[in-house]
C-alpha atoms as a PDB file:
ATOM      1  CA  UNK A   1     -31.995 110.211 -23.464  1.00  0.00           C
ATOM      2  CA  UNK A   2     -30.387 113.390 -22.160  1.00  0.00           C
ATOM      3  CA  UNK A   3     -33.545 114.167 -20.351  1.00  0.00           C
ATOM      4  CA  UNK A   4     -33.548 110.669 -18.519  1.00  0.00           C
ATOM      5  CA  UNK A   5     -29.942 111.076 -17.775  1.00  0.00           C
ATOM      6  CA  UNK A   6     -30.572 114.605 -16.242  1.00  0.00           C
ATOM      7  CA  UNK A   7     -33.584 113.408 -14.181  1.00  0.00           C
ATOM      8  CA  UNK A   8     -31.697 110.460 -12.817  1.00  0.00           C
ATOM      9  CA  UNK A   9     -28.841 112.665 -11.811  1.00  0.00           C
ATOM     10  CA  UNK A  10     -30.865 115.035 -10.411  1.00  0.00           C
ATOM     11  CA  UNK A  11     -32.751 112.391  -8.349  1.00  0.00           C
ATOM     12  CA  UNK A  12     -29.471 111.119  -7.019  1.00  0.00           C
ATOM     13  CA  UNK A  13     -28.234 114.476  -5.965  1.00  0.00           C
ATOM     14  CA  UNK A  14     -31.830 114.983  -4.102  1.00  0.00           C
ATOM     15  CA  UNK A  15     -31.786 111.872  -2.449  1.00  0.00           C
ATOM     16  CA  UNK A  16     -28.439 112.584  -0.891  1.00  0.00           C
ATOM     17  CA  UNK A  17     -29.828 115.434   0.963  1.00  0.00           C
ATOM     18  CA  UNK A  18     -32.812 113.318   2.565  1.00  0.00           C
ATOM     19  CA  UNK A  19     -32.623 113.826   6.281  1.00  0.00           C
ATOM     20  CA  UNK A  20     -34.406 110.375   7.175  1.00  0.00           C
ATOM     21  CA  UNK A  21     -33.393 106.770   5.935  1.00  0.00           C
ATOM     22  CA  UNK A  22     -31.701 103.671   6.952  1.00  0.00           C
ATOM     23  CA  UNK A  23     -28.502 104.992   8.677  1.00  0.00           C
ATOM     24  CA  UNK A  24     -30.509 107.918  10.734  1.00  0.00           C
ATOM     25  CA  UNK A  25     -31.231 105.968  13.735  1.00  0.00           C
ATOM     26  CA  UNK A  26     -30.772 106.445  17.718  1.00  0.00           C
ATOM     27  CA  UNK A  27     -28.063 104.323  18.516  1.00  0.00           C
ATOM     28  CA  UNK A  28     -26.713 103.768  22.210  1.00  0.00           C
ATOM     29  CA  UNK A  29     -23.584 105.682  23.294  1.00  0.00           C
ATOM     30  CA  UNK A  30     -20.781 103.129  23.626  1.00  0.00           C
ATOM     31  CA  UNK A  31     -18.989 105.503  25.604  1.00  0.00           C
ATOM     32  CA  UNK A  32     -21.314 106.181  28.255  1.00  0.00           C
ATOM     33  CA  UNK A  33     -20.587 104.055  31.161  1.00  0.00           C
ATOM     34  CA  UNK A  34     -23.326 103.419  33.731  1.00  0.00           C
ATOM     35  CA  UNK A  35     -22.374 101.931  37.438  1.00  0.00           C
ATOM     36  CA  UNK A  36     -24.882  99.495  38.743  1.00  0.00           C
ATOM     37  CA  UNK A  37     -25.045  98.082  42.346  1.00  0.00           C
ATOM     38  CA  UNK A  38     -22.838  94.921  42.731  1.00  0.00           C
ATOM     39  CA  UNK A  39     -24.689  91.591  42.812  1.00  0.00           C
ATOM     40  CA  UNK A  40     -25.054  90.471  46.566  1.00  0.00           C
ATOM     41  CA  UNK A  41     -25.649  86.611  46.907  1.00  0.00           C
ATOM     42  CA  UNK A  42     -27.209  86.041  50.405  1.00  0.00           C
ATOM     43  CA  UNK A  43     -25.498  83.461  52.386  1.00  0.00           C
ATOM     44  CA  UNK A  44     -27.508  80.115  52.735  1.00  0.00           C
ATOM     45  CA  UNK A  45     -28.129  79.865  56.293  1.00  0.00           C
ATOM     46  CA  UNK A  46     -29.447  76.188  56.080  1.00  0.00           C
ATOM     47  CA  UNK A  47     -26.158  75.082  54.903  1.00  0.00           C
ATOM     48  CA  UNK A  48     -23.775  73.899  57.653  1.00  0.00           C
ATOM     49  CA  UNK A  49     -20.043  73.971  57.618  1.00  0.00           C
ATOM     50  CA  UNK A  50     -18.283  70.404  57.137  1.00  0.00           C
ATOM     51  CA  UNK A  51     -17.111  68.773  60.467  1.00  0.00           C
ATOM     52  CA  UNK A  52     -13.361  68.291  60.720  1.00  0.00           C
ATOM     53  CA  UNK A  53     -12.096  65.014  59.961  1.00  0.00           C
ATOM     54  CA  UNK A  54     -15.556  64.068  57.956  1.00  0.00           C
ATOM     55  CA  UNK A  55     -15.339  62.372  54.623  1.00  0.00           C
ATOM     56  CA  UNK A  56     -16.045  64.443  51.534  1.00  0.00           C
ATOM     57  CA  UNK A  57     -19.470  64.621  50.057  1.00  0.00           C
ATOM     58  CA  UNK A  58     -18.150  63.992  46.637  1.00  0.00           C
ATOM     59  CA  UNK A  59     -16.993  60.414  46.594  1.00  0.00           C
ATOM     60  CA  UNK A  60     -17.270  59.911  42.674  1.00  0.00           C
ATOM     61  CA  UNK A  61     -14.742  61.199  40.279  1.00  0.00           C
ATOM     62  CA  UNK A  62     -15.791  64.085  37.743  1.00  0.00           C
ATOM     63  CA  UNK A  63     -15.756  61.719  34.684  1.00  0.00           C
ATOM     64  CA  UNK A  64     -18.272  59.414  36.479  1.00  0.00           C
ATOM     65  CA  UNK A  65     -20.525  62.433  37.384  1.00  0.00           C
ATOM     66  CA  UNK A  66     -20.300  63.482  33.820  1.00  0.00           C
ATOM     67  CA  UNK A  67     -21.156  60.415  32.416  1.00  0.00           C
ATOM     68  CA  UNK A  68     -24.045  60.230  34.895  1.00  0.00           C
ATOM     69  CA  UNK A  69     -25.440  63.481  34.067  1.00  0.00           C
ATOM     70  CA  UNK A  70     -25.246  63.091  30.091  1.00  0.00           C
ATOM     71  CA  UNK A  71     -26.633  59.289  30.015  1.00  0.00           C
ATOM     72  CA  UNK A  72     -28.488  59.014  33.219  1.00  0.00           C
ATOM     73  CA  UNK A  73     -26.279  56.026  34.364  1.00  0.00           C
ATOM     74  CA  UNK A  74     -26.764  52.023  33.260  1.00  0.00           C
ATOM     75  CA  UNK A  75     -29.909  51.024  31.830  1.00  0.00           C
ATOM     76  CA  UNK A  76     -31.732  48.190  33.959  1.00  0.00           C
ATOM     77  CA  UNK A  77     -31.408  44.638  32.472  1.00  0.00           C
ATOM     78  CA  UNK A  78     -34.276  43.163  30.505  1.00  0.00           C
ATOM     79  CA  UNK A  79     -35.283  39.760  31.196  1.00  0.00           C
ATOM     80  CA  UNK A  80     -33.627  38.117  28.081  1.00  0.00           C
ATOM     81  CA  UNK A  81     -30.358  39.244  29.528  1.00  0.00           C
ATOM     82  CA  UNK A  82     -30.218  37.522  32.587  1.00  0.00           C
END
């Protein structure tokens, strides 16, 4: 019994000296900051500015637009409903 306990104790001590394992990985440096070029969005040259005094392009309110986007608008009526 003492031999088994001694082998387990020596094995536990030697496993602590191992150089490889689960926690010995290359991890990214969280303090290293890299500067990248800013994102530049080119202008849309096909888009013309709105004329003064013209009506707005969006005539529907946002709740109607949301319902239209989610459900696709009203369903067509069937022949039995007419």
